[in-house]
Amino acid sequence: MANTTATFDLPALRRGIEQRDADALLGLYADDAEVVEVSKTTPPSTPAILRGKDAIRAHLADVCGREMTHSLERVVVGERNASFTEACRYPDGTAVLCTAMLDLDAEGRITRQIGVTAWDE
């Protein structure tokens, strides 16, 4: 009997992040996915919450459209969860660090993402 358990597409995540490919990243999300972002401007008491692929698409297009480097680091993938750290740098040297926890469905798509992002001042 063949193994029909879907797995998370880690190569697509790496390609999407490091090549700033919003379409590759969007393909990793379930249609009804939710992204919760915590940062200096969206603290834990009032995080940014994106619901559905249209909202997530706009966010990914913005992030991937910025002139900066992205590096996927410290990735852990389980059966229904994944986590990673993303290190970014703008041309002026400003650094950004994001950690993300992902919930995955049975097909390996992201259903919920919680991210915490910090920037250099």
C-alpha atoms as a PDB file:
ATOM      1  CA  MET A   1       0.000   0.000   0.000  1.00  0.00           C
ATOM      2  CA  ALA A   2       1.369   3.418  -0.974  1.00  0.00           C
ATOM      3  CA  ASN A   3       1.945   6.113   1.602  1.00  0.00           C
ATOM      4  CA  THR A   4      -0.697   8.789   0.977  1.00  0.00           C
ATOM      5  CA  THR A   5       0.292  11.090   3.811  1.00  0.00           C
ATOM      6  CA  ALA A   6       0.965  14.554   2.413  1.00  0.00           C
ATOM      7  CA  THR A   7       3.996  16.444   3.630  1.00  0.00           C
ATOM      8  CA  PHE A   8       4.841  20.112   3.857  1.00  0.00           C
ATOM      9  CA  ASP A   9       6.678  21.407   0.762  1.00  0.00           C
ATOM     10  CA  LEU A  10       9.851  22.690   2.415  1.00  0.00           C
ATOM     11  CA  PRO A  11      11.679  23.254  -0.921  1.00  0.00           C
ATOM     12  CA  ALA A  12       8.817  25.542  -2.037  1.00  0.00           C
ATOM     13  CA  LEU A  13       9.033  27.463   1.250  1.00  0.00           C
ATOM     14  CA  ARG A  14      12.796  27.920   0.859  1.00  0.00           C
ATOM     15  CA  ARG A  15      12.467  28.948  -2.804  1.00  0.00           C
ATOM     16  CA  GLY A  16       9.608  31.331  -2.049  1.00  0.00           C
ATOM     17  CA  ILE A  17      11.368  33.035   0.847  1.00  0.00           C
ATOM     18  CA  GLU A  18      14.889  33.203  -0.545  1.00  0.00           C
ATOM     19  CA  GLN A  19      13.839  34.130  -4.109  1.00  0.00           C
ATOM     20  CA  ARG A  20      11.096  36.500  -2.914  1.00  0.00           C
ATOM     21  CA  ASP A  21       8.483  34.536  -4.869  1.00  0.00           C
ATOM     22  CA  ALA A  22       5.059  35.491  -3.485  1.00  0.00           C
ATOM     23  CA  ASP A  23       3.226  33.043  -5.777  1.00  0.00           C
ATOM     24  CA  ALA A  24       5.330  30.088  -4.597  1.00  0.00           C
ATOM     25  CA  LEU A  25       4.623  31.062  -0.985  1.00  0.00           C
ATOM     26  CA  LEU A  26       0.904  31.604  -1.563  1.00  0.00           C
ATOM     27  CA  GLY A  27       0.624  28.077  -2.963  1.00  0.00           C
ATOM     28  CA  LEU A  28       1.587  26.722   0.460  1.00  0.00           C
ATOM     29  CA  TYR A  29      -1.559  28.112   2.147  1.00  0.00           C
ATOM     30  CA  ALA A  30      -5.017  26.576   2.432  1.00  0.00           C
ATOM     31  CA  ASP A  31      -7.808  28.730   0.951  1.00  0.00           C
ATOM     32  CA  ASP A  32      -9.137  29.639   4.416  1.00  0.00           C
ATOM     33  CA  ALA A  33      -5.743  30.112   6.084  1.00  0.00           C
ATOM     34  CA  GLU A  34      -5.147  32.676   8.804  1.00  0.00           C
ATOM     35  CA  VAL A  35      -1.913  34.583   9.437  1.00  0.00           C
ATOM     36  CA  VAL A  36      -1.365  36.324  12.771  1.00  0.00           C
ATOM     37  CA  GLU A  37       1.529  38.816  12.873  1.00  0.00           C
ATOM     38  CA  VAL A  38       2.980  40.314  16.050  1.00  0.00           C
ATOM     39  CA  SER A  39       5.483  43.170  15.842  1.00  0.00           C
ATOM     40  CA  LYS A  40       6.306  46.526  17.396  1.00  0.00           C
ATOM     41  CA  THR A  41       3.386  48.121  15.525  1.00  0.00           C
ATOM     42  CA  THR A  42       0.991  45.181  16.016  1.00  0.00           C
ATOM     43  CA  PRO A  43       1.593  43.968  19.592  1.00  0.00           C
ATOM     44  CA  PRO A  44       0.147  40.747  21.058  1.00  0.00           C
ATOM     45  CA  SER A  45      -2.964  42.535  22.348  1.00  0.00           C
ATOM     46  CA  THR A  46      -3.802  43.801  18.829  1.00  0.00           C
ATOM     47  CA  PRO A  47      -1.960  41.639  16.276  1.00  0.00           C
ATOM     48  CA  ALA A  48      -2.415  41.954  12.536  1.00  0.00           C
ATOM     49  CA  ILE A  49      -4.716  39.136  11.405  1.00  0.00           C
ATOM     50  CA  LEU A  50      -4.980  38.171   7.750  1.00  0.00           C
ATOM     51  CA  ARG A  51      -7.770  35.785   6.773  1.00  0.00           C
ATOM     52  CA  GLY A  52      -7.958  33.990   3.441  1.00  0.00           C
ATOM     53  CA  LYS A  53      -5.690  33.852   0.430  1.00  0.00           C
ATOM     54  CA  ASP A  54      -6.586  37.313  -0.898  1.00  0.00           C
ATOM     55  CA  ALA A  55      -5.375  39.028   2.292  1.00  0.00           C
ATOM     56  CA  ILE A  56      -2.339  36.760   2.499  1.00  0.00           C
ATOM     57  CA  ARG A  57      -1.542  37.389  -1.203  1.00  0.00           C
ATOM     58  CA  ALA A  58      -1.428  41.162  -0.646  1.00  0.00           C
ATOM     59  CA  HIS A  59       0.864  40.759   2.368  1.00  0.00           C
ATOM     60  CA  LEU A  60       3.241  38.392   0.543  1.00  0.00           C
ATOM     61  CA  ALA A  61       3.356  40.674  -2.517  1.00  0.00           C
ATOM     62  CA  ASP A  62       4.343  43.585  -0.249  1.00  0.00           C
ATOM     63  CA  VAL A  63       7.065  41.663   1.598  1.00  0.00           C
ATOM     64  CA  CYS A  64       8.468  39.958  -1.511  1.00  0.00           C
ATOM     65  CA  GLY A  65       8.410  43.248  -3.416  1.00  0.00           C
ATOM     66  CA  ARG A  66      10.822  44.916  -1.001  1.00  0.00           C
ATOM     67  CA  GLU A  67      14.464  45.179  -2.002  1.00  0.00           C
ATOM     68  CA  MET A  68      16.015  42.997   0.688  1.00  0.00           C
ATOM     69  CA  THR A  69      17.558  39.586   1.150  1.00  0.00           C
ATOM     70  CA  HIS A  70      15.722  36.742   2.882  1.00  0.00           C
ATOM     71  CA  SER A  71      17.278  33.631   4.390  1.00  0.00           C
ATOM     72  CA  LEU A  72      15.336  30.643   5.718  1.00  0.00           C
ATOM     73  CA  GLU A  73      16.932  29.298   8.897  1.00  0.00           C
ATOM     74  CA  ARG A  74      16.237  26.881  11.763  1.00  0.00           C
ATOM     75  CA  VAL A  75      13.435  24.932  10.105  1.00  0.00           C
ATOM     76  CA  VAL A  76      11.556  22.197  11.964  1.00  0.00           C
ATOM     77  CA  VAL A  77       8.826  20.199  10.207  1.00  0.00           C
ATOM     78  CA  GLY A  78       6.496  17.762  11.941  1.00  0.00           C
ATOM     79  CA  GLU A  79       3.449  15.864  10.746  1.00  0.00           C
ATOM     80  CA  ARG A  80       0.966  18.711  11.297  1.00  0.00           C
ATOM     81  CA  ASN A  81       3.208  21.625  12.326  1.00  0.00           C
ATOM     82  CA  ALA A  82       6.294  23.447  11.148  1.00  0.00           C
ATOM     83  CA  SER A  83       8.390  26.355  12.372  1.00  0.00           C
ATOM     84  CA  PHE A  84      11.187  28.474  10.985  1.00  0.00           C
ATOM     85  CA  THR A  85      13.245  31.603  11.412  1.00  0.00           C
ATOM     86  CA  GLU A  86      13.611  34.067   8.544  1.00  0.00           C
ATOM     87  CA  ALA A  87      16.512  36.530   8.592  1.00  0.00           C
ATOM     88  CA  CYS A  88      16.242  39.553   6.292  1.00  0.00           C
ATOM     89  CA  ARG A  89      18.466  42.494   5.473  1.00  0.00           C
ATOM     90  CA  TYR A  90      17.744  45.738   3.625  1.00  0.00           C
ATOM     91  CA  PRO A  91      20.481  47.263   1.414  1.00  0.00           C
ATOM     92  CA  ASP A  92      21.196  49.902   4.101  1.00  0.00           C
ATOM     93  CA  GLY A  93      22.044  47.112   6.577  1.00  0.00           C
ATOM     94  CA  THR A  94      18.794  47.190   8.563  1.00  0.00           C
ATOM     95  CA  ALA A  95      18.099  43.670   9.805  1.00  0.00           C
ATOM     96  CA  VAL A  96      14.720  42.006  10.301  1.00  0.00           C
ATOM     97  CA  LEU A  97      14.113  38.712  12.078  1.00  0.00           C
ATOM     98  CA  CYS A  98      10.886  36.718  11.948  1.00  0.00           C
ATOM     99  CA  THR A  99       9.963  33.492  13.687  1.00  0.00           C
ATOM    100  CA  ALA A 100       6.903  31.586  12.534  1.00  0.00           C
ATOM    101  CA  MET A 101       4.873  28.641  13.775  1.00  0.00           C
ATOM    102  CA  LEU A 102       2.669  26.880  11.230  1.00  0.00           C
ATOM    103  CA  ASP A 103      -0.340  24.587  11.605  1.00  0.00           C
ATOM    104  CA  LEU A 104      -0.712  22.227   8.644  1.00  0.00           C
ATOM    105  CA  ASP A 105      -3.726  20.367   7.278  1.00  0.00           C
ATOM    106  CA  ALA A 106      -3.748  16.757   6.092  1.00  0.00           C
ATOM    107  CA  GLU A 107      -2.566  17.899   2.639  1.00  0.00           C
ATOM    108  CA  GLY A 108       0.438  19.712   4.107  1.00  0.00           C
ATOM    109  CA  ARG A 109      -0.973  23.208   3.499  1.00  0.00           C
ATOM    110  CA  ILE A 110      -0.666  26.017   6.025  1.00  0.00           C
ATOM    111  CA  THR A 111      -3.954  26.625   7.845  1.00  0.00           C
ATOM    112  CA  ARG A 112      -2.618  29.005  10.504  1.00  0.00           C
ATOM    113  CA  GLN A 113       0.612  30.927  10.887  1.00  0.00           C
ATOM    114  CA  ILE A 114       1.703  32.895  13.907  1.00  0.00           C
ATOM    115  CA  GLY A 115       4.695  35.146  13.289  1.00  0.00           C
ATOM    116  CA  VAL A 116       6.714  37.459  15.502  1.00  0.00           C
ATOM    117  CA  THR A 117       8.852  40.033  13.706  1.00  0.00           C
ATOM    118  CA  ALA A 118      11.502  42.438  15.009  1.00  0.00           C
ATOM    119  CA  TRP A 119      13.435  45.159  13.143  1.00  0.00           C
ATOM    120  CA  ASP A 120      16.578  47.124  13.921  1.00  0.00           C
ATOM    121  CA  GLU A 121      15.708  50.577  15.202  1.00  0.00           C
END
